[in-house]
Amino acid sequence: MEIEVIEKDDRKMRLLIRGADIPYMNALRRTALAEVPCMAIDEVVVIENSSVLQDEIIAHRLGLIPLKTDLDSYNLPEECSCKSEFGCNLCRVSLTLDVEAKEGTITVYSGELLSEDPNITPVSDKIPIVRLAKEQKLRLEAYARLGRGKNHAKWQPVSTCTYKYFPQIGLGNQCDACGKCVEICPRKVLIKAGEKIEIRDLMACTLCQDCVDVCPMNPPAIEVSWKDGAFIFNIESTDVLPPGRIMKEATKIVREQLKEFISQVKVKRSEKD
């Protein structure tokens, strides 16, 4: 299998993967969504709340704030050596919030959460939590833990994770460059250059076949297909982890799951023998 990085920044990554098949690509996608752990607030102790929102609603809003994650320093609660339902400093991070509206109405933002670990903080300081009117207060202590997206969406490290076949577009010699395929393409894959049609952005093609359907030639002068075993994989992080780290963890988890599956198959075979 060959992997080529087409685009990459702090939050997004696009890969060209050759030599794979659909089951593996789907396993990789589902693992990135549901199995790669990240930090999220799981428990909230409300000390004082005189806002218009109930404690449960504030706790729910806090849980959905993405937190920067350090996978190397913390354990999943079920894998931590403390074996405690309350957690320890190896599987739990405490964040506090103490705000009072003294002079007038204010908005409480995620940046006002104070974490005991500077590496575990909200990915943005501008996520609104609640509005407080004059003399209203909000004091609480929240506990963040590692978790997996299969248990709750707040533990999903990605906002987008998709793949598609690598497209192939063929233009026949009989094309008269009428431009109808250029006009109908929703992703502007094609462009009219003088007396011919050219491919502007092959990666943007979604294989919708609109350009083939609109071509007045019979048979159509344009052919859209895909390359077997080649895929474009797109991943966008919620900024809790770099996209490269998410992919690394996803491939490691898939590998471990396959090893476990193989070992279980061997056990079943030995039992039958």
Protein backbone atom coordinates (compact mmCIF):
# COMPACT_ATOMS: atom_id res chain seq x y z
CA MET A 1 0.00 0.00 0.00
CA GLU A 2 1.30 3.45 -0.96
CA ILE A 3 0.29 6.64 0.87
CA GLU A 4 0.91 10.13 -0.50
CA VAL A 5 0.10 13.32 1.41
CA ILE A 6 -1.62 15.69 -1.00
CA GLU A 7 -2.54 18.47 1.43
CA LYS A 8 -1.85 18.99 5.12
CA ASP A 9 -2.19 21.74 7.72
CA ASP A 10 -2.88 21.93 11.45
CA ARG A 11 -6.48 20.73 11.11
CA LYS A 12 -6.94 19.08 7.71
CA MET A 13 -5.19 16.38 5.74
CA ARG A 14 -5.84 14.81 2.35
CA LEU A 15 -4.18 11.53 1.40
CA LEU A 16 -3.91 9.56 -1.82
CA ILE A 17 -3.91 5.87 -0.89
CA ARG A 18 -3.04 3.22 -3.49
CA GLY A 19 -3.18 -0.54 -3.13
CA ALA A 20 -6.07 -0.63 -0.64
CA ASP A 21 -9.67 -1.86 -0.84
CA ILE A 22 -13.04 -0.57 0.37
CA PRO A 23 -13.24 -2.73 3.56
CA TYR A 24 -9.89 -1.41 4.78
CA MET A 25 -10.72 2.21 3.91
CA ASN A 26 -14.07 1.95 5.70
CA ALA A 27 -12.41 0.35 8.74
CA LEU A 28 -9.92 3.23 8.83
CA ARG A 29 -12.69 5.82 8.58
CA ARG A 30 -14.87 4.23 11.26
CA THR A 31 -11.88 3.79 13.58
CA ALA A 32 -10.92 7.46 13.28
CA LEU A 33 -14.51 8.40 14.13
CA ALA A 34 -15.29 5.93 16.88
CA GLU A 35 -12.11 4.42 18.34
CA VAL A 36 -9.37 7.08 18.53
CA PRO A 37 -9.63 8.53 22.07
CA CYS A 38 -9.62 12.20 23.00
CA MET A 39 -10.36 14.36 26.05
CA ALA A 40 -13.80 15.71 26.95
CA ILE A 41 -15.52 16.87 30.12
CA ASP A 42 -17.41 13.91 31.56
CA GLU A 43 -18.51 15.04 35.03
CA VAL A 44 -19.43 18.45 36.40
CA VAL A 45 -19.89 19.46 40.05
CA VAL A 46 -21.93 22.67 40.19
CA ILE A 47 -21.15 24.64 43.35
CA GLU A 48 -23.27 27.71 42.60
CA ASN A 49 -25.48 28.52 39.64
CA SER A 50 -27.86 31.47 39.61
CA SER A 51 -28.03 31.72 35.81
CA VAL A 52 -31.19 31.01 33.79
CA LEU A 53 -29.79 27.68 32.57
CA GLN A 54 -30.20 24.50 34.60
CA ASP A 55 -27.15 22.65 35.88
CA GLU A 56 -27.73 19.79 33.43
CA ILE A 57 -27.76 22.09 30.40
CA ILE A 58 -24.53 23.79 31.45
CA ALA A 59 -22.91 20.39 32.04
CA HIS A 60 -24.04 19.27 28.58
CA ARG A 61 -22.58 22.40 26.96
CA LEU A 62 -19.30 21.94 28.79
CA GLY A 63 -19.07 18.33 27.62
CA LEU A 64 -19.29 19.42 23.97
CA ILE A 65 -16.34 21.84 24.22
CA PRO A 66 -13.39 20.23 22.37
CA LEU A 67 -10.29 19.95 24.56
CA LYS A 68 -6.68 19.73 23.49
CA THR A 69 -5.58 16.14 24.11
CA ASP A 70 -2.31 14.62 25.30
CA LEU A 71 -2.52 10.90 24.54
CA ASP A 72 0.99 10.21 25.84
CA SER A 73 0.36 11.47 29.38
CA TYR A 74 -3.10 10.07 30.17
CA ASN A 75 -4.76 6.65 30.23
CA LEU A 76 -8.26 5.61 29.37
CA PRO A 77 -10.21 5.23 32.64
CA GLU A 78 -10.76 1.51 32.08
CA GLU A 79 -7.04 0.98 31.44
CA CYS A 80 -5.67 3.13 34.28
CA SER A 81 -3.83 1.39 37.12
CA CYS A 82 -5.82 3.35 39.74
CA LYS A 83 -8.97 1.29 39.01
CA SER A 84 -11.00 4.05 40.66
CA GLU A 85 -14.33 5.44 39.53
CA PHE A 86 -13.13 8.88 40.64
CA GLY A 87 -9.93 8.70 38.61
CA CYS A 88 -6.42 9.95 39.34
CA ASN A 89 -3.90 12.37 37.84
CA LEU A 90 -3.11 9.78 35.15
CA CYS A 91 -6.65 9.49 33.82
CA ARG A 92 -8.46 12.67 34.88
CA VAL A 93 -7.99 16.43 34.53
CA SER A 94 -9.78 19.01 36.66
CA LEU A 95 -11.05 22.30 35.23
CA THR A 96 -12.66 25.07 37.30
CA LEU A 97 -14.93 27.99 36.46
CA ASP A 98 -15.71 30.87 38.83
CA VAL A 99 -17.50 33.83 37.21
CA GLU A 100 -19.76 36.59 38.53
CA ALA A 101 -21.52 39.35 36.61
CA LYS A 102 -20.84 42.34 38.85
CA GLU A 103 -21.68 45.32 36.67
CA GLY A 104 -23.98 44.05 33.94
CA THR A 105 -24.84 41.19 31.58
CA ILE A 106 -21.80 39.17 30.45
CA THR A 107 -21.14 36.09 28.35
CA VAL A 108 -19.07 33.32 29.89
CA TYR A 109 -16.68 31.80 27.37
CA SER A 110 -14.64 28.60 27.28
CA GLY A 111 -11.45 30.61 27.76
CA GLU A 112 -12.48 31.23 31.37
CA LEU A 113 -12.15 27.54 32.21
CA LEU A 114 -8.98 27.07 34.26
CA SER A 115 -7.28 23.70 33.81
CA GLU A 116 -4.85 22.08 36.21
CA ASP A 117 -2.91 20.88 33.14
CA PRO A 118 -1.92 23.63 30.65
CA ASN A 119 -1.84 20.99 27.90
CA ILE A 120 -5.54 20.15 28.37
CA THR A 121 -7.45 23.30 27.50
CA PRO A 122 -10.35 24.25 25.18
CA VAL A 123 -9.30 24.41 21.53
CA SER A 124 -10.91 27.88 21.36
CA ASP A 125 -11.36 30.60 23.96
CA LYS A 126 -14.49 31.94 22.24
CA ILE A 127 -17.01 29.12 22.74
CA PRO A 128 -19.98 30.60 24.67
CA ILE A 129 -21.18 28.68 27.71
CA VAL A 130 -23.86 30.87 29.31
CA ARG A 131 -24.94 34.50 29.72
CA LEU A 132 -25.10 35.95 33.20
CA ALA A 133 -27.22 38.92 34.21
CA LYS A 134 -26.08 41.36 36.86
CA GLU A 135 -25.26 39.68 40.20
CA GLN A 136 -25.65 36.17 38.77
CA LYS A 137 -22.86 33.68 39.48
CA LEU A 138 -21.54 30.40 38.15
CA ARG A 139 -19.06 28.29 40.09
CA LEU A 140 -18.24 24.73 39.16
CA GLU A 141 -15.57 22.07 38.90
CA ALA A 142 -15.41 19.84 35.82
CA TYR A 143 -13.51 16.61 35.23
CA ALA A 144 -12.23 15.65 31.80
CA ARG A 145 -11.35 12.10 30.78
CA LEU A 146 -10.28 10.23 27.69
CA GLY A 147 -13.07 8.48 25.85
CA ARG A 148 -14.08 7.07 22.47
CA GLY A 149 -16.57 8.36 19.94
CA LYS A 150 -18.47 5.05 19.96
CA ASN A 151 -19.62 5.93 23.49
CA HIS A 152 -20.46 9.60 22.90
CA ALA A 153 -20.01 12.10 20.07
CA LYS A 154 -18.14 14.49 22.40
CA TRP A 155 -15.20 12.07 22.20
CA GLN A 156 -14.96 12.16 18.40
CA PRO A 157 -11.61 13.72 17.42
CA VAL A 158 -12.73 14.45 13.85
CA SER A 159 -15.46 16.61 12.39
CA THR A 160 -15.07 15.13 8.89
CA CYS A 161 -13.64 11.80 7.81
CA THR A 162 -14.45 10.61 4.28
CA TYR A 163 -12.97 8.73 1.36
CA LYS A 164 -13.77 8.34 -2.33
CA TYR A 165 -12.40 6.56 -5.37
CA PHE A 166 -9.61 8.29 -7.24
CA PRO A 167 -11.37 9.67 -10.36
CA GLN A 168 -10.32 9.19 -13.98
CA ILE A 169 -11.58 11.44 -16.78
CA GLY A 170 -11.09 10.68 -20.45
CA LEU A 171 -11.78 13.20 -23.24
CA GLY A 172 -12.33 11.76 -26.73
CA ASN A 173 -11.04 13.25 -29.98
CA GLN A 174 -14.62 13.74 -31.17
CA CYS A 175 -15.21 16.46 -28.53
CA ASP A 176 -16.19 19.76 -30.23
CA ALA A 177 -15.60 21.82 -27.05
CA CYS A 178 -19.21 22.97 -26.83
CA GLY A 179 -18.64 23.70 -23.12
CA LYS A 180 -21.82 22.13 -21.75
CA CYS A 181 -19.81 19.77 -19.54
CA VAL A 182 -17.89 22.74 -18.13
CA GLU A 183 -21.09 24.65 -17.32
CA ILE A 184 -22.90 21.79 -15.58
CA CYS A 185 -20.00 20.54 -13.42
CA PRO A 186 -20.84 21.50 -9.79
CA ARG A 187 -17.20 21.29 -8.68
CA LYS A 188 -15.65 23.12 -11.67
CA VAL A 189 -13.44 20.16 -12.52
CA LEU A 190 -13.28 21.07 -16.23
CA ILE A 191 -12.32 24.26 -18.02
CA LYS A 192 -12.67 25.45 -21.60
CA ALA A 193 -9.30 26.55 -22.98
CA GLY A 194 -9.73 27.94 -26.48
CA GLU A 195 -11.03 25.19 -28.74
CA LYS A 196 -10.62 22.32 -26.28
CA ILE A 197 -11.75 21.09 -22.89
CA GLU A 198 -9.13 20.55 -20.18
CA ILE A 199 -9.15 19.11 -16.69
CA ARG A 200 -8.69 21.87 -14.13
CA ASP A 201 -8.91 19.96 -10.83
CA LEU A 202 -9.15 16.17 -11.06
CA MET A 203 -9.21 15.70 -7.26
CA ALA A 204 -12.44 17.70 -6.99
CA CYS A 205 -14.40 15.25 -9.16
CA THR A 206 -17.22 13.48 -7.27
CA LEU A 207 -18.00 10.97 -10.07
CA CYS A 208 -21.51 12.43 -10.41
CA GLN A 209 -21.57 11.75 -14.21
CA ASP A 210 -23.42 15.03 -14.94
CA CYS A 211 -20.85 15.95 -17.58
CA VAL A 212 -21.37 12.60 -19.33
CA ASP A 213 -25.17 12.96 -19.28
CA VAL A 214 -25.14 16.47 -20.76
CA CYS A 215 -22.69 15.72 -23.58
CA PRO A 216 -24.58 16.00 -26.95
CA MET A 217 -22.31 13.45 -28.63
CA ASN A 218 -23.42 9.83 -29.07
CA PRO A 219 -21.53 8.10 -27.57
CA PRO A 220 -20.45 10.86 -25.16
CA ALA A 221 -17.07 12.44 -25.86
CA ILE A 222 -16.23 12.38 -22.15
CA GLU A 223 -15.85 9.36 -19.89
CA VAL A 224 -15.74 9.45 -16.09
CA SER A 225 -14.62 6.42 -14.09
CA TRP A 226 -12.41 5.55 -11.15
CA LYS A 227 -9.17 3.73 -10.54
CA ASP A 228 -9.52 0.45 -8.67
CA GLY A 229 -7.52 0.29 -5.45
CA ALA A 230 -6.87 4.05 -5.34
CA PHE A 231 -8.68 6.37 -2.91
CA ILE A 232 -8.66 9.98 -1.76
CA PHE A 233 -8.96 10.11 2.03
CA ASN A 234 -10.01 13.38 3.71
CA ILE A 235 -9.79 14.01 7.44
CA GLU A 236 -10.55 17.17 9.40
CA SER A 237 -9.72 17.32 13.09
CA THR A 238 -11.76 19.19 15.70
CA ASP A 239 -8.30 20.48 16.74
CA VAL A 240 -8.11 18.18 19.78
CA LEU A 241 -5.37 16.21 18.00
CA PRO A 242 -3.34 16.84 14.84
CA PRO A 243 -4.79 14.96 11.83
CA GLY A 244 -1.54 13.06 11.39
CA ARG A 245 -1.70 11.75 14.96
CA ILE A 246 -5.35 10.72 14.47
CA MET A 247 -4.40 8.68 11.38
CA LYS A 248 -1.45 7.11 13.21
CA GLU A 249 -3.64 6.07 16.13
CA ALA A 250 -6.38 4.78 13.80
CA THR A 251 -3.99 2.54 11.86
CA LYS A 252 -2.51 1.24 15.13
CA ILE A 253 -5.96 0.39 16.48
CA VAL A 254 -6.98 -1.37 13.23
CA ARG A 255 -3.77 -3.41 13.36
CA GLU A 256 -4.40 -4.45 16.96
CA GLN A 257 -8.01 -5.38 16.19
CA LEU A 258 -6.92 -7.53 13.26
CA LYS A 259 -4.35 -9.30 15.44
CA GLU A 260 -7.05 -9.99 18.04
CA PHE A 261 -9.39 -11.30 15.34
CA ILE A 262 -6.71 -13.64 13.97
CA SER A 263 -5.92 -14.96 17.45
CA GLN A 264 -9.61 -15.64 18.12
CA VAL A 265 -9.92 -17.51 14.81
CA LYS A 266 -6.91 -19.66 15.74
CA VAL A 267 -8.46 -20.44 19.13
CA LYS A 268 -11.74 -21.52 17.52
CA ARG A 269 -9.91 -23.74 15.06
CA SER A 270 -7.89 -25.40 17.80
CA GLU A 271 -11.08 -26.06 19.77
CA LYS A 272 -12.65 -27.77 16.77
CA ASP A 273 -9.54 -29.91 16.19
